[in-house]
Every structure is written in C-alpha cells, then in structure tokens.
C-alpha cells in the first residue's frame, strides 16, 4: 500500500491543488521580525530577533543563546518593533519540513524510493542544528568488513550488542537511507547520532558513527539491524520500486507526521 502526502492552501472558490505534485511556495527574501519561540522541552517561550528568514507561525527554528541546539516553534511574529540589538539573541536556522513524494508502509517506518522526497541533508535538520562554522569531523579508514547477515563480524561486546538491539526494538533508528552503495542513518541516543557505511553485495564497509566511542557502538548495531529489516521488507514487497531507483529512505512513522504534518498551521493532506 502507498500513499501520497503533501500540503495545499484551501480556498473556497478555487479547485484544490494536486497534492501529489504540490510543493509549498517559499521565498528566499528575509523579512526582519521579532518572534516569540516556544521550546516544548523546557516549557519556555522567549523572544528572538530575525533578519535572515521570512518566518511564520509554526516554523521550527534553532536559535542563539542558552537554548542553542534545542528546537523551538515560532508562536508569534511581529514586524513592528524597535529593539536594542545587544539585548536579543537571533534565529540561526529554520527546519525544512516540506515533504512531497510517494511513501510506502514499511513496519514502523515509511519507505520512499524517491531521492528528493526526504534526502539525508534535510532529515538531519529534524534532529540536529547545523554544525558551527569551522567545526569539522576528522575521518580515518580501515579495510574491516563484515556480512550484514552475520553481525558477529562487527566484533562488539555482549553489552554493546544487547544495547544496540534494544535501540533497534525501541525504534530509535529514526531515519536510514541507501543511495547506491552509500548508506546513512540517524539513531536517537542521548542526542541524534549519524551513522555512515558502505553496503556492497551484502557486505558492510567503512562503518562509522559520530558518537564519542572509539569502537563499533550500539548506534551502529541498531542501524545494521534496521538495515536488515528494511532490506527484507523491500525484497518481499517493493523489489520493483527499489530496482528502478537504486535508492531508498525509511523514516519513522511518528517523526514523519510530527514534522511533515504536525508542524503545519494550515493546508491539507491526502492519504
């Protein structure tokens, strides 16, 4: 079973737009404003200055200051103001919640075989703020490999293996995609961790995670278990779709609706 998801403004005297092809119109022209941002994790609302974006009620943002790194939702926008700049922190970025494309049922996840429907570059903004300028990752490589069908080849301890299995069962792999041989996953732990790997003819290579562990970790174990599950579903139900594009992305059902639907203040969607 598949469904199409999208949004369209509603007008009484106009025919409804095609949901499957609709992309919400955005403007790149910033509009200066003072916005009130609500942070559900802290049950706190604070004011911020914005001169980088055209913000609207319902937008999900990251900000400067003591709540930097936490997501907040814009609850009011004021264009009429006079403030002292030194007294206000600023909005740093806006989360892109626009999703359009065909999704399929896939266990606890929704699957898409369209690379533009929810690419990894967009998905990570649903979980982490943009990396600070000048902050870079250092990467080392080795030639270690293991078979996806035999995760003992990861050579993790029993404790790490069990914790990774728990993460998988708890649906902490919020997003996973495979583009050709290049794989990527977002695993929710104390924060959202990014896992990357290569998948070639049933073999995993170059498995890494951005968490502080210097060895194969529970986030990687969870990602590999999720990869096995998704590939099994695809093989039995969606082999044709996957073969046509050579790409899949799987996103947690709750996450897709929280951002793609729950963040919208108006419009409609069709299942």
Protein backbone atom coordinates (compact mmCIF):
# COMPACT_ATOMS: atom_id res chain seq x y z
CA UNK A 1 0.00 0.00 0.00
CA UNK A 2 1.24 3.50 -0.80
CA UNK A 3 0.05 6.99 -0.11
CA UNK A 4 0.96 10.44 -1.28
CA UNK A 5 1.49 13.23 1.17
CA UNK A 6 1.62 16.97 0.58
CA UNK A 7 0.05 20.26 1.57
CA UNK A 8 -2.04 22.86 -0.13
CA UNK A 9 -3.76 26.05 0.98
CA UNK A 10 -7.52 25.85 0.97
CA UNK A 11 -9.66 28.38 -0.94
CA UNK A 12 -13.43 28.11 -1.18
CA UNK A 13 -13.63 29.45 -4.71
CA UNK A 14 -10.68 27.58 -6.16
CA UNK A 15 -10.21 23.99 -7.20
CA UNK A 16 -7.92 22.06 -4.87
CA UNK A 17 -4.33 21.73 -6.00
CA UNK A 18 -2.90 18.34 -6.85
CA UNK A 19 -1.45 17.05 -3.59
CA UNK A 20 0.97 14.70 -5.29
CA UNK A 21 2.68 17.48 -7.27
CA UNK A 22 2.31 20.40 -4.87
CA UNK A 23 5.44 21.96 -3.37
CA UNK A 24 4.77 24.74 -0.82
CA UNK A 25 5.93 28.08 -2.16
CA UNK A 26 8.86 29.56 -0.29
CA UNK A 27 10.62 32.89 -0.52
CA UNK A 28 14.33 33.44 -0.08
CA UNK A 29 13.79 37.11 0.78
CA UNK A 30 14.44 37.70 4.50
CA UNK A 31 11.93 39.79 6.42
CA UNK A 32 13.09 41.37 9.66
CA UNK A 33 11.00 40.45 12.65
CA UNK A 34 10.89 39.80 16.36
CA UNK A 35 9.50 36.35 17.03
CA UNK A 36 8.30 34.51 20.09
CA UNK A 37 9.66 30.95 20.13
CA UNK A 38 8.25 28.19 22.32
CA UNK A 39 10.59 25.41 23.49
CA UNK A 40 8.48 22.37 24.46
CA UNK A 41 11.42 20.62 26.11
CA UNK A 42 11.71 23.49 28.60
CA UNK A 43 8.09 24.71 28.51
CA UNK A 44 9.51 28.18 27.88
CA UNK A 45 8.79 30.99 25.43
CA UNK A 46 11.45 33.58 24.57
CA UNK A 47 11.79 36.45 22.08
CA UNK A 48 14.40 36.49 19.29
CA UNK A 49 15.42 38.88 16.55
CA UNK A 50 15.38 37.58 12.97
CA UNK A 51 16.88 39.15 9.86
CA UNK A 52 17.81 36.01 7.89
CA UNK A 53 14.48 34.37 7.10
CA UNK A 54 10.85 35.03 6.26
CA UNK A 55 9.44 33.41 9.40
CA UNK A 56 5.86 32.32 10.01
CA UNK A 57 3.89 30.89 12.92
CA UNK A 58 4.56 27.17 13.14
CA UNK A 59 8.11 27.31 11.77
CA UNK A 60 10.62 25.17 13.67
CA UNK A 61 13.86 27.01 14.38
CA UNK A 62 17.25 26.84 16.09
CA UNK A 63 18.46 29.92 17.97
CA UNK A 64 21.47 31.53 19.64
CA UNK A 65 21.98 31.70 23.37
CA UNK A 66 21.33 29.37 26.28
CA UNK A 67 18.86 27.27 24.26
CA UNK A 68 21.19 26.86 21.29
CA UNK A 69 20.87 23.34 19.88
CA UNK A 70 17.26 22.92 21.03
CA UNK A 71 14.34 23.14 18.64
CA UNK A 72 11.68 25.75 19.17
CA UNK A 73 8.46 26.58 17.39
CA UNK A 74 7.57 30.12 16.30
CA UNK A 75 4.31 31.11 18.03
CA UNK A 76 4.12 34.80 17.06
CA UNK A 77 5.77 37.14 14.55
CA UNK A 78 6.00 40.93 14.88
CA UNK A 79 7.17 43.23 12.09
CA UNK A 80 6.58 46.45 14.02
CA UNK A 81 9.34 46.87 16.59
CA UNK A 82 12.23 48.96 17.91
CA UNK A 83 14.75 46.99 19.94
CA UNK A 84 18.32 47.24 21.21
CA UNK A 85 20.29 44.64 19.25
CA UNK A 86 22.58 43.78 22.16
CA UNK A 87 19.60 42.58 24.21
CA UNK A 88 18.36 39.98 21.72
CA UNK A 89 19.69 36.64 20.56
CA UNK A 90 18.98 35.70 16.92
CA UNK A 91 17.35 32.88 14.99
CA UNK A 92 20.12 30.77 13.42
CA UNK A 93 18.26 28.41 11.10
CA UNK A 94 14.84 27.12 10.06
CA UNK A 95 14.00 23.43 9.78
CA UNK A 96 12.72 22.45 6.33
CA UNK A 97 9.57 20.38 6.93
CA UNK A 98 8.47 20.27 3.29
CA UNK A 99 7.89 16.67 2.23
CA UNK A 100 6.45 15.55 -1.09
CA UNK A 101 6.55 12.20 -2.81
CA UNK A 102 5.23 8.67 -2.59
CA UNK A 103 5.70 6.72 0.63
CA UNK A 104 5.05 3.05 1.36
CA UNK A 105 4.29 1.13 4.53
CA UNK A 106 7.39 -0.50 5.97
CA UNK A 107 6.92 -1.78 9.51
CA UNK A 108 7.45 1.06 11.99
CA UNK A 109 8.78 3.23 9.15
CA UNK A 110 7.53 4.76 5.94
CA UNK A 111 9.59 4.00 2.83
CA UNK A 112 10.26 6.12 -0.20
CA UNK A 113 12.25 5.30 -3.30
CA UNK A 114 12.42 8.93 -4.49
CA UNK A 115 15.72 10.65 -3.58
CA UNK A 116 14.11 14.09 -3.43
CA UNK A 117 11.24 13.10 -1.12
CA UNK A 118 13.25 13.31 2.12
CA UNK A 119 17.03 13.46 1.48
CA UNK A 120 19.51 12.96 4.31
CA UNK A 121 20.59 16.60 4.23
CA UNK A 122 17.04 17.61 5.10
CA UNK A 123 16.32 14.77 7.52
CA UNK A 124 19.25 15.59 9.82
CA UNK A 125 17.89 19.11 10.40
CA UNK A 126 14.86 17.48 12.07
CA UNK A 127 17.22 16.21 14.78
CA UNK A 128 20.36 18.35 14.97
CA UNK A 129 21.20 22.04 14.49
CA UNK A 130 23.65 22.98 11.73
CA UNK A 131 27.28 22.34 12.63
CA UNK A 132 29.13 25.51 13.75
CA UNK A 133 31.33 27.07 11.11
CA UNK A 134 34.86 25.78 11.33
CA UNK A 135 33.82 22.65 13.24
CA UNK A 136 34.97 19.68 11.16
CA UNK A 137 34.99 15.91 11.53
CA UNK A 138 38.27 14.02 11.23
CA UNK A 139 37.87 10.68 9.47
CA UNK A 140 40.09 7.63 9.44
CA UNK A 141 39.56 4.50 7.37
CA UNK A 142 40.41 0.83 7.60
CA UNK A 143 39.59 -2.19 5.49
CA UNK A 144 37.47 -4.03 8.07
CA UNK A 145 34.31 -5.58 6.61
CA UNK A 146 31.55 -7.89 7.77
CA UNK A 147 28.45 -9.50 6.30
CA UNK A 148 25.12 -7.87 7.09
CA UNK A 149 23.68 -11.36 7.63
CA UNK A 150 26.33 -12.07 10.28
CA UNK A 151 26.67 -9.13 12.66
CA UNK A 152 29.08 -11.14 14.80
CA UNK A 153 31.62 -9.78 12.34
CA UNK A 154 31.21 -6.37 13.99
CA UNK A 155 33.09 -7.84 16.98
CA UNK A 156 31.20 -5.84 19.60
CA UNK A 157 30.91 -6.84 23.24
CA UNK A 158 27.80 -8.60 24.51
CA UNK A 159 26.79 -5.43 26.36
CA UNK A 160 27.11 -3.21 23.28
CA UNK A 161 25.31 -5.77 21.13
CA UNK A 162 22.41 -6.01 23.58
CA UNK A 163 22.10 -2.23 23.90
CA UNK A 164 22.11 -1.89 20.12
CA UNK A 165 19.36 -4.49 19.88
CA UNK A 166 17.35 -2.57 22.47
CA UNK A 167 17.79 0.64 20.48
CA UNK A 168 16.52 -1.15 17.38
CA UNK A 169 13.50 -2.60 19.19
CA UNK A 170 12.72 0.80 20.71
CA UNK A 171 12.60 2.26 17.16
CA UNK A 172 15.50 4.63 17.80
CA UNK A 173 16.69 4.41 14.19
CA UNK A 174 14.66 7.40 13.07
CA UNK A 175 15.95 7.57 9.52
CA UNK A 176 18.01 5.33 7.27
CA UNK A 177 18.77 5.55 3.55
CA UNK A 178 20.82 3.74 0.95
CA UNK A 179 21.83 5.51 -2.25
CA UNK A 180 23.59 3.01 -4.45
CA UNK A 181 26.22 1.66 -2.07
CA UNK A 182 26.31 4.69 0.26
CA UNK A 183 24.34 4.26 3.47
CA UNK A 184 23.38 6.70 6.20
CA UNK A 185 21.29 6.52 9.37
CA UNK A 186 20.17 8.78 12.23
CA UNK A 187 19.98 6.98 15.57
CA UNK A 188 18.47 8.64 18.63
CA UNK A 189 20.53 8.26 21.81
CA UNK A 190 21.38 10.99 24.31
CA UNK A 191 21.35 13.05 21.10
CA UNK A 192 20.89 12.23 17.42
CA UNK A 193 23.92 10.36 16.09
CA UNK A 194 24.79 9.97 12.42
CA UNK A 195 25.95 6.57 11.17
CA UNK A 196 27.55 6.11 7.74
CA UNK A 197 28.54 2.96 5.87
CA UNK A 198 29.03 1.30 2.51
CA UNK A 199 26.85 -1.65 1.50
CA UNK A 200 28.22 -3.78 -1.33
CA UNK A 201 26.84 -7.22 -2.24
CA UNK A 202 25.71 -7.99 1.29
CA UNK A 203 28.91 -6.68 2.86
CA UNK A 204 29.32 -3.66 5.15
CA UNK A 205 32.39 -1.46 4.83
CA UNK A 206 33.55 1.82 6.34
CA UNK A 207 31.04 1.81 9.23
CA UNK A 208 31.35 4.97 11.34
CA UNK A 209 29.34 6.89 13.94
CA UNK A 210 29.83 10.45 15.22
CA UNK A 211 29.38 9.40 18.87
CA UNK A 212 32.47 9.53 21.14
CA UNK A 213 33.06 5.76 21.08
CA UNK A 214 36.35 4.65 19.53
CA UNK A 215 34.92 1.21 18.67
CA UNK A 216 31.81 -0.17 16.97
CA UNK A 217 28.94 1.17 19.06
CA UNK A 218 25.29 0.48 19.92
CA UNK A 219 24.13 3.10 17.41
CA UNK A 220 25.87 1.20 14.61
CA UNK A 221 24.41 -2.11 15.79
CA UNK A 222 20.90 -0.61 15.79
CA UNK A 223 21.44 0.85 12.31
CA UNK A 224 22.61 -2.51 10.92
CA UNK A 225 19.59 -4.31 12.40
CA UNK A 226 17.31 -1.69 10.88
CA UNK A 227 19.05 -2.01 7.53
CA UNK A 228 18.48 -5.79 7.57
CA UNK A 229 14.81 -5.25 8.39
CA UNK A 230 14.22 -2.66 5.69
CA UNK A 231 16.02 -4.66 3.00
CA UNK A 232 13.93 -7.71 3.97
CA UNK A 233 10.71 -5.71 3.57
CA UNK A 234 11.88 -4.30 0.25
CA UNK A 235 12.84 -7.75 -1.07
CA UNK A 236 9.40 -9.19 -0.32
CA UNK A 237 7.19 -6.19 -1.09
CA UNK A 238 8.92 -3.42 -3.04
CA UNK A 239 11.71 -5.01 -5.09
CA UNK A 240 10.49 -3.39 -8.31
CA UNK A 241 10.42 0.12 -6.88
CA UNK A 242 13.88 -0.25 -5.34
CA UNK A 243 15.38 -1.68 -8.51
CA UNK A 244 14.01 1.22 -10.55
CA UNK A 245 15.71 3.92 -8.48
CA UNK A 246 18.56 2.16 -6.67
CA UNK A 247 17.62 4.25 -3.63
CA UNK A 248 15.50 4.01 -0.54
CA UNK A 249 14.92 6.08 2.58
CA UNK A 250 12.99 4.91 5.62
CA UNK A 251 11.71 7.39 8.21
CA UNK A 252 9.99 6.62 11.50
CA UNK A 253 6.22 6.97 11.16
CA UNK A 254 5.90 9.25 14.18
CA UNK A 255 8.73 11.51 13.04
CA UNK A 256 7.28 11.94 9.54
CA UNK A 257 3.91 13.01 10.88
CA UNK A 258 5.40 15.18 13.64
CA UNK A 259 7.35 17.29 11.17
CA UNK A 260 5.62 16.95 7.80
CA UNK A 261 2.10 17.28 9.23
CA UNK A 262 2.26 18.45 12.84
CA UNK A 263 4.38 21.49 12.03
CA UNK A 264 1.78 22.92 9.63
CA UNK A 265 -0.71 25.59 10.77
CA UNK A 266 -2.92 25.32 7.68
CA UNK A 267 -3.41 23.42 4.44
CA UNK A 268 -4.45 19.81 3.88
CA UNK A 269 -3.01 16.40 3.13
CA UNK A 270 -4.38 13.29 1.47
CA UNK A 271 -3.88 9.64 2.35
